[in-house]
Amino acid sequence: MVAGCLIYSDVQRSHIQHKLDRALVDAIDNGPLERAPILLARGADPDARWEPDETIWKRLTQRFSNRRHTPPLRNDLYSSVLMIAAERGYSVTVDQLIRHGADVNAEDGGGYSPLINASVRGHLGIVKRLIKSGARINATDIWGRTALMSAVESGSRQTAHVLVANGANVGVMDLDGRTAMSRAKGNSELTALLRNPSGKNSSAGIRNTANRSGKL
């Protein structure tokens, strides 16, 4: 009888946790964002992950299968709530999630991280917050692309400058043999920055307390 009650209690707790996590994902994905801190205070997992319905899942798997030479996907296929918030520029929510212990180096199946997501969108404040919280500067996605490559490709000079100033490796090559420099062609400011990455000691510097080596 006691064992049965304990099992029921565990199942009930698991069900409550799942509901909290789904509610947090929904608040960050669809709004209102004001619900996020309330749900976190109630125990929602700051590393909760978005889970697509069956239709979206089929589209995702089809998209990857249509690509030639797609590297193996990583274990956690879905985006964490921090990855979603970082990509969309929700700086207050990013701060709330980090303060509640969210993993700043979480990845989805494609190897995208909060830092890569924020860099590709040019969300400078979030990039700085992630770096300060220990984000790996040189971590790559499954195609070998770094946050710096993402920032350069999107034309965000300020983001690229902050990344370089904090140890981003300008010479990394992705699986296609492309570097940040090759992505900067046609942009004289970015090209100059990458040719002379002397900003490491500039005012853009942010002390990262984690290992900056990433996966390289």
N, C-alpha and C. Protein backbone atom coordinates (compact mmCIF):
# COMPACT_ATOMS: atom_id res chain seq x y z
N MET A 1 0.83 -1.21 0.00
CA MET A 1 0.00 0.00 0.00
C MET A 1 0.87 1.26 0.00
N VAL A 2 1.91 1.26 0.85
CA VAL A 2 2.81 2.40 0.94
C VAL A 2 3.54 2.59 -0.37
N ALA A 3 4.02 1.46 -0.96
CA ALA A 3 4.74 1.52 -2.23
C ALA A 3 3.85 2.09 -3.32
N GLY A 4 2.60 1.67 -3.32
CA GLY A 4 1.66 2.17 -4.33
C GLY A 4 1.43 3.65 -4.19
N CYS A 5 1.35 4.14 -2.98
CA CYS A 5 1.17 5.58 -2.75
C CYS A 5 2.38 6.37 -3.21
N LEU A 6 3.57 5.81 -2.97
CA LEU A 6 4.80 6.49 -3.39
C LEU A 6 4.88 6.58 -4.91
N ILE A 7 4.52 5.49 -5.58
CA ILE A 7 4.53 5.48 -7.04
C ILE A 7 3.56 6.51 -7.58
N TYR A 8 2.35 6.54 -7.01
CA TYR A 8 1.35 7.52 -7.44
C TYR A 8 1.85 8.94 -7.23
N SER A 9 2.51 9.17 -6.09
CA SER A 9 3.03 10.50 -5.77
C SER A 9 4.10 10.91 -6.79
N ASP A 10 4.96 9.96 -7.16
CA ASP A 10 6.00 10.25 -8.15
C ASP A 10 5.40 10.57 -9.51
N VAL A 11 4.39 9.81 -9.89
CA VAL A 11 3.72 10.05 -11.17
C VAL A 11 3.05 11.42 -11.17
N GLN A 12 2.42 11.76 -10.05
CA GLN A 12 1.74 13.04 -9.93
C GLN A 12 2.75 14.20 -10.03
N ARG A 13 3.89 14.05 -9.33
CA ARG A 13 4.92 15.08 -9.40
C ARG A 13 5.45 15.23 -10.82
N SER A 14 5.65 14.10 -11.49
CA SER A 14 6.15 14.13 -12.87
C SER A 14 5.16 14.83 -13.79
N HIS A 15 3.86 14.57 -13.56
CA HIS A 15 2.82 15.19 -14.37
C HIS A 15 2.79 16.71 -14.14
N ILE A 16 2.92 17.12 -12.89
CA ILE A 16 2.93 18.55 -12.57
C ILE A 16 4.14 19.23 -13.19
N GLN A 17 5.30 18.56 -13.09
CA GLN A 17 6.52 19.12 -13.68
C GLN A 17 6.39 19.27 -15.18
N HIS A 18 5.82 18.28 -15.81
CA HIS A 18 5.63 18.34 -17.27
C HIS A 18 4.73 19.50 -17.65
N LYS A 19 3.67 19.71 -16.90
CA LYS A 19 2.75 20.82 -17.18
C LYS A 19 3.45 22.17 -17.00
N LEU A 20 4.26 22.28 -15.96
CA LEU A 20 4.99 23.53 -15.73
C LEU A 20 5.97 23.80 -16.88
N ASP A 21 6.67 22.74 -17.29
CA ASP A 21 7.66 22.90 -18.36
C ASP A 21 6.99 23.27 -19.67
N ARG A 22 5.86 22.61 -19.97
CA ARG A 22 5.15 22.92 -21.22
C ARG A 22 4.63 24.36 -21.19
N ALA A 23 4.16 24.78 -20.02
CA ALA A 23 3.65 26.15 -19.88
C ALA A 23 4.76 27.17 -20.08
N LEU A 24 5.97 26.86 -19.58
CA LEU A 24 7.10 27.76 -19.76
C LEU A 24 7.49 27.86 -21.23
N VAL A 25 7.55 26.73 -21.89
CA VAL A 25 7.87 26.72 -23.32
C VAL A 25 6.84 27.54 -24.09
N ASP A 26 5.57 27.36 -23.76
CA ASP A 26 4.50 28.07 -24.46
C ASP A 26 4.59 29.58 -24.20
N ALA A 27 4.91 29.96 -22.96
CA ALA A 27 5.01 31.39 -22.63
C ALA A 27 6.13 32.06 -23.42
N ILE A 28 7.26 31.36 -23.57
CA ILE A 28 8.39 31.94 -24.28
C ILE A 28 8.21 31.85 -25.79
N ASP A 29 7.57 30.79 -26.23
CA ASP A 29 7.37 30.60 -27.67
C ASP A 29 6.23 31.46 -28.20
N ASN A 30 5.15 31.57 -27.42
CA ASN A 30 3.95 32.25 -27.91
C ASN A 30 3.50 33.44 -27.05
N GLY A 31 4.08 33.59 -25.86
CA GLY A 31 3.69 34.67 -24.98
C GLY A 31 2.51 34.28 -24.09
N PRO A 32 2.23 35.13 -23.10
CA PRO A 32 2.98 36.33 -22.75
C PRO A 32 4.25 36.01 -21.97
N LEU A 33 5.30 36.76 -22.24
CA LEU A 33 6.58 36.52 -21.59
C LEU A 33 6.53 36.77 -20.09
N GLU A 34 5.57 37.56 -19.66
CA GLU A 34 5.45 37.86 -18.23
C GLU A 34 5.17 36.61 -17.39
N ARG A 35 4.70 35.56 -18.04
CA ARG A 35 4.41 34.33 -17.31
C ARG A 35 5.69 33.57 -16.96
N ALA A 36 6.76 33.81 -17.71
CA ALA A 36 7.99 33.03 -17.54
C ALA A 36 8.54 33.08 -16.12
N PRO A 37 8.75 34.27 -15.52
CA PRO A 37 9.30 34.28 -14.16
C PRO A 37 8.38 33.64 -13.13
N ILE A 38 7.08 33.72 -13.34
CA ILE A 38 6.12 33.10 -12.42
C ILE A 38 6.27 31.58 -12.47
N LEU A 39 6.37 31.04 -13.69
CA LEU A 39 6.51 29.60 -13.87
C LEU A 39 7.86 29.10 -13.35
N LEU A 40 8.90 29.88 -13.56
CA LEU A 40 10.21 29.51 -13.04
C LEU A 40 10.20 29.47 -11.52
N ALA A 41 9.52 30.43 -10.91
CA ALA A 41 9.42 30.47 -9.45
C ALA A 41 8.64 29.27 -8.91
N ARG A 42 7.73 28.75 -9.73
CA ARG A 42 6.94 27.59 -9.31
C ARG A 42 7.66 26.27 -9.56
N GLY A 43 8.83 26.34 -10.19
CA GLY A 43 9.61 25.12 -10.38
C GLY A 43 9.76 24.64 -11.80
N ALA A 44 9.34 25.43 -12.79
CA ALA A 44 9.53 25.02 -14.18
C ALA A 44 11.02 24.89 -14.49
N ASP A 45 11.36 23.94 -15.32
CA ASP A 45 12.76 23.67 -15.65
C ASP A 45 13.30 24.76 -16.59
N PRO A 46 14.35 25.49 -16.20
CA PRO A 46 14.90 26.54 -17.07
C PRO A 46 15.56 25.97 -18.32
N ASP A 47 15.72 24.64 -18.36
CA ASP A 47 16.26 23.98 -19.56
C ASP A 47 15.18 23.21 -20.31
N ALA A 48 13.92 23.53 -20.05
CA ALA A 48 12.81 22.86 -20.76
C ALA A 48 12.99 23.04 -22.26
N ARG A 49 12.55 22.04 -23.01
CA ARG A 49 12.75 22.07 -24.46
C ARG A 49 11.42 22.05 -25.20
N TRP A 50 11.44 22.78 -26.31
CA TRP A 50 10.28 22.83 -27.21
C TRP A 50 10.15 21.49 -27.90
N GLU A 51 8.94 20.96 -27.96
CA GLU A 51 8.68 19.70 -28.65
C GLU A 51 7.63 19.93 -29.73
N PRO A 52 7.99 19.75 -31.01
CA PRO A 52 7.04 20.01 -32.09
C PRO A 52 5.97 18.92 -32.17
N ASP A 53 4.84 19.28 -32.76
CA ASP A 53 3.83 18.25 -32.98
C ASP A 53 4.28 17.37 -34.15
N GLU A 54 3.50 16.36 -34.45
CA GLU A 54 3.92 15.36 -35.45
C GLU A 54 4.13 15.97 -36.83
N THR A 55 3.29 16.94 -37.21
CA THR A 55 3.41 17.56 -38.54
C THR A 55 4.72 18.33 -38.66
N ILE A 56 5.04 19.14 -37.63
CA ILE A 56 6.28 19.91 -37.65
C ILE A 56 7.47 18.98 -37.60
N TRP A 57 7.36 17.91 -36.82
CA TRP A 57 8.45 16.94 -36.72
C TRP A 57 8.77 16.34 -38.09
N LYS A 58 7.75 16.01 -38.85
CA LYS A 58 7.97 15.44 -40.18
C LYS A 58 8.66 16.43 -41.10
N ARG A 59 8.29 17.70 -40.98
CA ARG A 59 8.93 18.73 -41.80
C ARG A 59 10.40 18.89 -41.44
N LEU A 60 10.69 18.85 -40.14
CA LEU A 60 12.07 18.98 -39.69
C LEU A 60 12.94 17.83 -40.20
N THR A 61 12.45 16.61 -40.03
CA THR A 61 13.24 15.46 -40.46
C THR A 61 13.40 15.44 -41.97
N GLN A 62 12.37 15.89 -42.71
CA GLN A 62 12.46 15.96 -44.15
C GLN A 62 13.49 17.00 -44.59
N ARG A 63 13.51 18.12 -43.88
CA ARG A 63 14.46 19.18 -44.21
C ARG A 63 15.89 18.69 -44.07
N PHE A 64 16.16 17.97 -42.99
CA PHE A 64 17.51 17.46 -42.79
C PHE A 64 17.85 16.35 -43.79
N SER A 65 16.89 15.49 -44.08
CA SER A 65 17.16 14.38 -44.99
C SER A 65 17.39 14.84 -46.42
N ASN A 66 16.86 16.02 -46.77
CA ASN A 66 17.04 16.55 -48.13
C ASN A 66 18.41 17.18 -48.34
N ARG A 67 19.13 17.45 -47.27
CA ARG A 67 20.45 18.06 -47.40
C ARG A 67 21.49 17.00 -47.70
N ARG A 68 22.35 17.33 -48.63
CA ARG A 68 23.44 16.41 -48.94
C ARG A 68 24.51 16.49 -47.86
N HIS A 69 25.09 15.34 -47.54
CA HIS A 69 26.21 15.27 -46.61
C HIS A 69 25.86 15.88 -45.25
N THR A 70 24.64 15.66 -44.80
CA THR A 70 24.27 16.16 -43.48
C THR A 70 24.96 15.34 -42.40
N PRO A 71 25.73 15.98 -41.51
CA PRO A 71 26.39 15.24 -40.43
C PRO A 71 25.35 14.65 -39.48
N PRO A 72 25.76 13.69 -38.66
CA PRO A 72 24.82 13.11 -37.69
C PRO A 72 24.28 14.17 -36.75
N LEU A 73 22.98 14.09 -36.46
CA LEU A 73 22.38 15.03 -35.51
C LEU A 73 22.85 14.68 -34.10
N ARG A 74 22.84 15.69 -33.24
CA ARG A 74 23.22 15.47 -31.85
C ARG A 74 22.02 15.01 -31.05
N ASN A 75 22.25 14.64 -29.81
CA ASN A 75 21.24 13.95 -29.02
C ASN A 75 19.95 14.73 -28.81
N ASP A 76 20.06 15.98 -28.36
CA ASP A 76 18.87 16.76 -28.02
C ASP A 76 18.40 17.51 -29.25
N LEU A 77 17.39 16.97 -29.92
CA LEU A 77 16.97 17.53 -31.20
C LEU A 77 16.29 18.87 -31.04
N TYR A 78 15.58 19.07 -29.94
CA TYR A 78 14.74 20.26 -29.82
C TYR A 78 15.46 21.43 -29.12
N SER A 79 14.98 22.62 -29.40
CA SER A 79 15.56 23.83 -28.80
C SER A 79 15.15 23.98 -27.34
N SER A 80 16.11 24.43 -26.52
CA SER A 80 15.77 24.77 -25.14
C SER A 80 15.12 26.14 -25.12
N VAL A 81 14.46 26.46 -24.01
CA VAL A 81 13.79 27.76 -23.93
C VAL A 81 14.79 28.91 -23.99
N LEU A 82 16.01 28.68 -23.49
CA LEU A 82 17.03 29.72 -23.58
C LEU A 82 17.44 29.95 -25.02
N MET A 83 17.51 28.90 -25.80
CA MET A 83 17.85 29.04 -27.21
C MET A 83 16.78 29.85 -27.95
N ILE A 84 15.52 29.59 -27.63
CA ILE A 84 14.42 30.32 -28.25
C ILE A 84 14.48 31.80 -27.87
N ALA A 85 14.65 32.07 -26.57
CA ALA A 85 14.69 33.45 -26.10
C ALA A 85 15.89 34.21 -26.67
N ALA A 86 17.03 33.53 -26.78
CA ALA A 86 18.23 34.18 -27.31
C ALA A 86 18.06 34.53 -28.78
N GLU A 87 17.45 33.64 -29.53
CA GLU A 87 17.25 33.88 -30.96
C GLU A 87 16.28 35.04 -31.20
N ARG A 88 15.27 35.14 -30.36
CA ARG A 88 14.24 36.16 -30.57
C ARG A 88 14.56 37.50 -29.92
N GLY A 89 15.64 37.55 -29.19
CA GLY A 89 16.04 38.82 -28.60
C GLY A 89 15.33 39.17 -27.31
N TYR A 90 14.83 38.17 -26.60
CA TYR A 90 14.13 38.42 -25.34
C TYR A 90 15.16 38.54 -24.20
N SER A 91 15.79 39.69 -24.10
CA SER A 91 16.91 39.85 -23.18
C SER A 91 16.50 39.67 -21.71
N VAL A 92 15.34 40.17 -21.32
CA VAL A 92 14.90 40.02 -19.94
C VAL A 92 14.66 38.55 -19.62
N THR A 93 14.04 37.84 -20.54
CA THR A 93 13.78 36.41 -20.34
C THR A 93 15.07 35.62 -20.31
N VAL A 94 16.02 35.97 -21.17
CA VAL A 94 17.33 35.32 -21.15
C VAL A 94 17.96 35.47 -19.78
N ASP A 95 17.92 36.66 -19.23
CA ASP A 95 18.50 36.91 -17.91
C ASP A 95 17.79 36.10 -16.83
N GLN A 96 16.48 36.02 -16.91
CA GLN A 96 15.71 35.26 -15.93
C GLN A 96 16.08 33.78 -15.98
N LEU A 97 16.18 33.24 -17.19
CA LEU A 97 16.51 31.82 -17.35
C LEU A 97 17.91 31.52 -16.82
N ILE A 98 18.86 32.40 -17.14
CA ILE A 98 20.23 32.18 -16.67
C ILE A 98 20.30 32.24 -15.15
N ARG A 99 19.59 33.19 -14.55
CA ARG A 99 19.59 33.31 -13.10
C ARG A 99 18.96 32.09 -12.42
N HIS A 100 18.10 31.39 -13.14
CA HIS A 100 17.50 30.17 -12.60
C HIS A 100 18.30 28.92 -12.98
N GLY A 101 19.48 29.11 -13.58
CA GLY A 101 20.37 27.97 -13.83
C GLY A 101 20.32 27.36 -15.21
N ALA A 102 19.76 28.05 -16.19
CA ALA A 102 19.70 27.50 -17.54
C ALA A 102 21.10 27.25 -18.10
N ASP A 103 21.24 26.19 -18.86
CA ASP A 103 22.51 25.81 -19.46
C ASP A 103 22.80 26.72 -20.66
N VAL A 104 23.81 27.59 -20.53
CA VAL A 104 24.11 28.53 -21.61
C VAL A 104 24.78 27.84 -22.80
N ASN A 105 25.18 26.57 -22.62
CA ASN A 105 25.81 25.82 -23.70
C ASN A 105 24.92 24.68 -24.21
N ALA A 106 23.63 24.78 -23.95
CA ALA A 106 22.70 23.78 -24.47
C ALA A 106 22.72 23.79 -26.00
N GLU A 107 22.47 22.64 -26.60
CA GLU A 107 22.45 22.54 -28.06
C GLU A 107 21.20 21.79 -28.50
N ASP A 108 20.80 22.04 -29.75
CA ASP A 108 19.76 21.21 -30.34
C ASP A 108 20.43 20.19 -31.26
N GLY A 109 19.62 19.46 -32.01
CA GLY A 109 20.17 18.41 -32.86
C GLY A 109 21.12 18.91 -33.92
N GLY A 110 20.96 20.14 -34.34
CA GLY A 110 21.85 20.72 -35.34
C GLY A 110 23.08 21.36 -34.74
N GLY A 111 23.20 21.30 -33.42
CA GLY A 111 24.36 21.89 -32.75
C GLY A 111 24.24 23.37 -32.51
N TYR A 112 23.06 23.94 -32.77
CA TYR A 112 22.87 25.37 -32.50
C TYR A 112 22.77 25.60 -31.00
N SER A 113 23.41 26.66 -30.54
CA SER A 113 23.43 27.00 -29.12
C SER A 113 22.80 28.38 -28.92
N PRO A 114 22.53 28.77 -27.67
CA PRO A 114 22.02 30.13 -27.45
C PRO A 114 22.94 31.20 -28.04
N LEU A 115 24.26 31.02 -27.93
CA LEU A 115 25.20 32.02 -28.45
C LEU A 115 25.14 32.10 -29.97
N ILE A 116 25.09 30.97 -30.63
CA ILE A 116 24.98 30.97 -32.09
C ILE A 116 23.67 31.62 -32.51
N ASN A 117 22.59 31.27 -31.83
CA ASN A 117 21.28 31.83 -32.17
C ASN A 117 21.24 33.35 -31.99
N ALA A 118 21.82 33.84 -30.90
CA ALA A 118 21.84 35.28 -30.66
C ALA A 118 22.76 35.99 -31.64
N SER A 119 23.87 35.35 -32.00
CA SER A 119 24.85 35.96 -32.91
C SER A 119 24.30 36.11 -34.31
N VAL A 120 23.58 35.11 -34.78
CA VAL A 120 23.06 35.17 -36.14
C VAL A 120 22.01 36.27 -36.27
N ARG A 121 21.35 36.62 -35.16
CA ARG A 121 20.35 37.68 -35.16
C ARG A 121 20.91 39.04 -34.76
N GLY A 122 22.19 39.06 -34.34
CA GLY A 122 22.80 40.32 -33.95
C GLY A 122 22.29 40.89 -32.65
N HIS A 123 21.87 40.02 -31.72
CA HIS A 123 21.38 40.50 -30.42
C HIS A 123 22.57 40.72 -29.50
N LEU A 124 23.18 41.88 -29.60
CA LEU A 124 24.45 42.18 -28.95
C LEU A 124 24.39 42.02 -27.43
N GLY A 125 23.36 42.58 -26.80
CA GLY A 125 23.26 42.49 -25.34
C GLY A 125 23.18 41.06 -24.86
N ILE A 126 22.44 40.23 -25.57
CA ILE A 126 22.30 38.83 -25.19
C ILE A 126 23.62 38.09 -25.41
N VAL A 127 24.31 38.40 -26.50
CA VAL A 127 25.62 37.79 -26.75
C VAL A 127 26.56 38.08 -25.59
N LYS A 128 26.58 39.34 -25.14
CA LYS A 128 27.44 39.71 -24.01
C LYS A 128 27.04 38.96 -22.74
N ARG A 129 25.75 38.85 -22.50
CA ARG A 129 25.26 38.16 -21.29
C ARG A 129 25.65 36.70 -21.31
N LEU A 130 25.53 36.07 -22.46
CA LEU A 130 25.87 34.65 -22.58
C LEU A 130 27.36 34.42 -22.39
N ILE A 131 28.17 35.30 -22.97
CA ILE A 131 29.62 35.18 -22.81
C ILE A 131 30.00 35.33 -21.34
N LYS A 132 29.44 36.32 -20.69
CA LYS A 132 29.73 36.56 -19.28
C LYS A 132 29.32 35.37 -18.42
N SER A 133 28.30 34.64 -18.87
CA SER A 133 27.78 33.50 -18.11
C SER A 133 28.47 32.19 -18.47
N GLY A 134 29.48 32.25 -19.34
CA GLY A 134 30.26 31.04 -19.61
C GLY A 134 29.99 30.35 -20.93
N ALA A 135 29.33 31.01 -21.87
CA ALA A 135 29.09 30.39 -23.17
C ALA A 135 30.41 30.12 -23.88
N ARG A 136 30.51 28.97 -24.51
CA ARG A 136 31.73 28.60 -25.23
C ARG A 136 31.80 29.38 -26.54
N ILE A 137 32.80 30.22 -26.67
CA ILE A 137 32.93 31.11 -27.82
C ILE A 137 33.09 30.35 -29.13
N ASN A 138 33.89 29.29 -29.11
CA ASN A 138 34.24 28.60 -30.35
C ASN A 138 33.49 27.30 -30.57
N ALA A 139 32.40 27.10 -29.84
CA ALA A 139 31.59 25.91 -30.07
C ALA A 139 31.01 25.95 -31.48
N THR A 140 30.84 24.80 -32.09
CA THR A 140 30.36 24.73 -33.47
C THR A 140 29.06 23.95 -33.57
N ASP A 141 28.33 24.22 -34.66
CA ASP A 141 27.16 23.38 -34.95
C ASP A 141 27.65 22.15 -35.72
N ILE A 142 26.75 21.32 -36.18
CA ILE A 142 27.17 20.06 -36.81
C ILE A 142 27.82 20.29 -38.17
N TRP A 143 27.69 21.50 -38.72
CA TRP A 143 28.37 21.82 -39.98
C TRP A 143 29.69 22.55 -39.73
N GLY A 144 30.08 22.65 -38.46
CA GLY A 144 31.35 23.28 -38.13
C GLY A 144 31.31 24.79 -38.07
N ARG A 145 30.13 25.37 -38.02
CA ARG A 145 30.00 26.83 -38.01
C ARG A 145 29.97 27.36 -36.58
N THR A 146 30.67 28.47 -36.37
CA THR A 146 30.77 29.09 -35.05
C THR A 146 29.84 30.29 -34.93
N ALA A 147 29.75 30.82 -33.72
CA ALA A 147 28.96 32.04 -33.51
C ALA A 147 29.54 33.20 -34.31
N LEU A 148 30.88 33.26 -34.41
CA LEU A 148 31.51 34.33 -35.18
C LEU A 148 31.11 34.25 -36.65
N MET A 149 31.11 33.05 -37.19
CA MET A 149 30.69 32.89 -38.59
C MET A 149 29.25 33.37 -38.77
N SER A 150 28.40 33.05 -37.81
CA SER A 150 27.00 33.45 -37.88
C SER A 150 26.87 34.97 -37.84
N ALA A 151 27.64 35.61 -36.96
CA ALA A 151 27.59 37.08 -36.84
C ALA A 151 28.09 37.74 -38.12
N VAL A 152 29.17 37.21 -38.67
CA VAL A 152 29.74 37.77 -39.90
C VAL A 152 28.78 37.59 -41.06
N GLU A 153 28.20 36.42 -41.15
CA GLU A 153 27.28 36.13 -42.25
C GLU A 153 26.06 37.04 -42.21
N SER A 154 25.63 37.41 -41.01
CA SER A 154 24.47 38.29 -40.87
C SER A 154 24.85 39.76 -40.97
N GLY A 155 26.17 40.04 -41.05
CA GLY A 155 26.63 41.42 -41.20
C GLY A 155 26.65 42.23 -39.92
N SER A 156 26.64 41.54 -38.78
CA SER A 156 26.62 42.24 -37.49
C SER A 156 28.05 42.50 -37.01
N ARG A 157 28.59 43.68 -37.34
CA ARG A 157 29.97 43.98 -36.99
C ARG A 157 30.17 44.08 -35.48
N GLN A 158 29.22 44.70 -34.77
CA GLN A 158 29.37 44.85 -33.33
C GLN A 158 29.41 43.49 -32.63
N THR A 159 28.54 42.59 -33.05
CA THR A 159 28.53 41.26 -32.47
C THR A 159 29.83 40.53 -32.77
N ALA A 160 30.28 40.63 -34.02
CA ALA A 160 31.54 39.99 -34.41
C ALA A 160 32.70 40.55 -33.59
N HIS A 161 32.68 41.87 -33.37
CA HIS A 161 33.75 42.51 -32.60
C HIS A 161 33.79 41.98 -31.17
N VAL A 162 32.63 41.86 -30.54
CA VAL A 162 32.57 41.34 -29.17
C VAL A 162 33.07 39.89 -29.12
N LEU A 163 32.69 39.09 -30.09
CA LEU A 163 33.12 37.70 -30.12
C LEU A 163 34.63 37.59 -30.29
N VAL A 164 35.18 38.38 -31.22
CA VAL A 164 36.63 38.37 -31.45
C VAL A 164 37.36 38.86 -30.20
N ALA A 165 36.83 39.90 -29.58
CA ALA A 165 37.46 40.47 -28.38
C ALA A 165 37.49 39.49 -27.23
N ASN A 166 36.61 38.50 -27.28
CA ASN A 166 36.54 37.52 -26.20
C ASN A 166 37.08 36.15 -26.60
N GLY A 167 37.89 36.13 -27.66
CA GLY A 167 38.62 34.91 -27.98
C GLY A 167 38.10 34.07 -29.11
N ALA A 168 37.16 34.59 -29.91
CA ALA A 168 36.67 33.81 -31.05
C ALA A 168 37.81 33.55 -32.04
N ASN A 169 37.93 32.33 -32.49
CA ASN A 169 38.98 31.92 -33.42
C ASN A 169 38.57 32.28 -34.85
N VAL A 170 39.27 33.23 -35.44
CA VAL A 170 38.90 33.71 -36.77
C VAL A 170 39.30 32.73 -37.87
N GLY A 171 40.14 31.76 -37.55
CA GLY A 171 40.64 30.85 -38.57
C GLY A 171 39.91 29.53 -38.68
N VAL A 172 38.87 29.34 -37.90
CA VAL A 172 38.12 28.08 -37.95
C VAL A 172 37.50 27.87 -39.32
N MET A 173 37.58 26.62 -39.83
CA MET A 173 36.94 26.28 -41.09
C MET A 173 35.76 25.34 -40.83
N ASP A 174 34.65 25.59 -41.52
CA ASP A 174 33.51 24.69 -41.38
C ASP A 174 33.71 23.47 -42.29
N LEU A 175 32.72 22.60 -42.38
CA LEU A 175 32.86 21.37 -43.16
C LEU A 175 32.99 21.64 -44.65
N ASP A 176 32.60 22.84 -45.09
CA ASP A 176 32.75 23.21 -46.50
C ASP A 176 34.06 23.95 -46.76
N GLY A 177 34.90 24.07 -45.72
CA GLY A 177 36.17 24.76 -45.87
C GLY A 177 36.08 26.26 -45.84
N ARG A 178 34.94 26.79 -45.40
CA ARG A 178 34.75 28.24 -45.32
C ARG A 178 35.08 28.76 -43.93
N THR A 179 35.62 29.96 -43.87
CA THR A 179 35.97 30.61 -42.61
C THR A 179 35.10 31.85 -42.42
N ALA A 180 35.28 32.50 -41.28
CA ALA A 180 34.59 33.78 -41.06
C ALA A 180 35.04 34.80 -42.11
N MET A 181 36.32 34.77 -42.45
CA MET A 181 36.86 35.71 -43.43
C MET A 181 36.20 35.54 -44.79
N SER A 182 36.02 34.31 -45.22
CA SER A 182 35.40 34.08 -46.53
C SER A 182 33.95 34.55 -46.53
N ARG A 183 33.32 34.53 -45.37
CA ARG A 183 31.95 35.01 -45.26
C ARG A 183 31.88 36.54 -45.23
N ALA A 184 33.00 37.18 -44.94
CA ALA A 184 33.02 38.65 -44.82
C ALA A 184 33.31 39.35 -46.14
N LYS A 185 33.50 38.62 -47.20
CA LYS A 185 33.83 39.23 -48.49
C LYS A 185 32.76 40.24 -48.88
N GLY A 186 33.22 41.42 -49.28
CA GLY A 186 32.29 42.47 -49.66
C GLY A 186 31.96 43.42 -48.52
N ASN A 187 32.36 43.06 -47.30
CA ASN A 187 32.13 43.92 -46.14
C ASN A 187 33.49 44.36 -45.61
N SER A 188 33.90 45.56 -45.97
CA SER A 188 35.24 46.03 -45.64
C SER A 188 35.49 46.13 -44.14
N GLU A 189 34.48 46.54 -43.37
CA GLU A 189 34.65 46.68 -41.92
C GLU A 189 34.88 45.33 -41.26
N LEU A 190 34.08 44.33 -41.65
CA LEU A 190 34.24 43.00 -41.08
C LEU A 190 35.56 42.38 -41.51
N THR A 191 35.93 42.60 -42.76
CA THR A 191 37.20 42.07 -43.26
C THR A 191 38.37 42.64 -42.48
N ALA A 192 38.33 43.95 -42.22
CA ALA A 192 39.39 44.61 -41.46
C ALA A 192 39.45 44.07 -40.03
N LEU A 193 38.29 43.85 -39.43
CA LEU A 193 38.24 43.31 -38.07
C LEU A 193 38.87 41.93 -38.01
N LEU A 194 38.57 41.08 -38.97
CA LEU A 194 39.06 39.71 -38.95
C LEU A 194 40.54 39.62 -39.32
N ARG A 195 41.00 40.56 -40.14
CA ARG A 195 42.42 40.57 -40.49
C ARG A 195 43.29 41.06 -39.34
N ASN A 196 42.69 41.88 -38.48
CA ASN A 196 43.45 42.42 -37.35
C ASN A 196 42.62 42.28 -36.08
N PRO A 197 42.49 41.04 -35.60
CA PRO A 197 41.64 40.80 -34.41
C PRO A 197 42.31 41.25 -33.13
N SER A 198 42.59 42.56 -33.06
CA SER A 198 43.31 43.09 -31.90
C SER A 198 42.37 43.60 -30.83
N GLY A 199 41.08 43.33 -30.96
CA GLY A 199 40.12 43.85 -29.99
C GLY A 199 40.06 43.09 -28.70
N LYS A 200 40.96 42.08 -28.52
CA LYS A 200 40.89 41.27 -27.30
C LYS A 200 41.08 42.08 -26.04
N ASN A 201 41.80 43.18 -26.16
CA ASN A 201 42.02 44.00 -24.97
C ASN A 201 41.26 45.32 -25.04
N SER A 202 40.27 45.38 -25.94
CA SER A 202 39.51 46.62 -26.10
C SER A 202 38.39 46.69 -25.08
N SER A 203 37.61 47.78 -25.19
CA SER A 203 36.50 47.97 -24.26
C SER A 203 35.40 46.96 -24.47
N ALA A 204 35.45 46.19 -25.60
CA ALA A 204 34.42 45.18 -25.84
C ALA A 204 34.65 43.93 -25.02
N GLY A 205 35.82 43.85 -24.37
CA GLY A 205 36.15 42.63 -23.65
C GLY A 205 35.18 42.35 -22.51
N ILE A 206 34.82 41.07 -22.39
CA ILE A 206 33.94 40.62 -21.31
C ILE A 206 34.59 39.37 -20.74
N ARG A 207 34.83 39.36 -19.45
CA ARG A 207 35.51 38.21 -18.88
C ARG A 207 34.58 37.00 -18.86
N ASN A 208 35.00 35.92 -19.53
CA ASN A 208 34.26 34.69 -19.57
C ASN A 208 34.91 33.74 -18.57
N THR A 209 34.17 33.33 -17.57
CA THR A 209 34.74 32.49 -16.53
C THR A 209 34.85 31.03 -16.93
N ALA A 210 34.33 30.68 -18.12
CA ALA A 210 34.39 29.30 -18.57
C ALA A 210 35.55 29.11 -19.55
N ASN A 211 35.79 27.87 -19.92
CA ASN A 211 36.81 27.53 -20.90
C ASN A 211 36.36 28.03 -22.27
N ARG A 212 37.19 28.81 -22.93
CA ARG A 212 36.80 29.39 -24.21
C ARG A 212 37.13 28.49 -25.39
N SER A 213 37.69 27.36 -25.16
CA SER A 213 38.15 26.53 -26.27
C SER A 213 37.01 25.92 -27.05
N GLY A 214 35.82 25.84 -26.49
CA GLY A 214 34.67 25.27 -27.21
C GLY A 214 34.96 23.83 -27.59
N LYS A 215 34.71 23.52 -28.88
CA LYS A 215 34.88 22.15 -29.36
C LYS A 215 36.07 22.01 -30.27
N LEU A 216 36.92 23.03 -30.31
CA LEU A 216 38.00 23.02 -31.29
C LEU A 216 39.27 22.42 -30.69
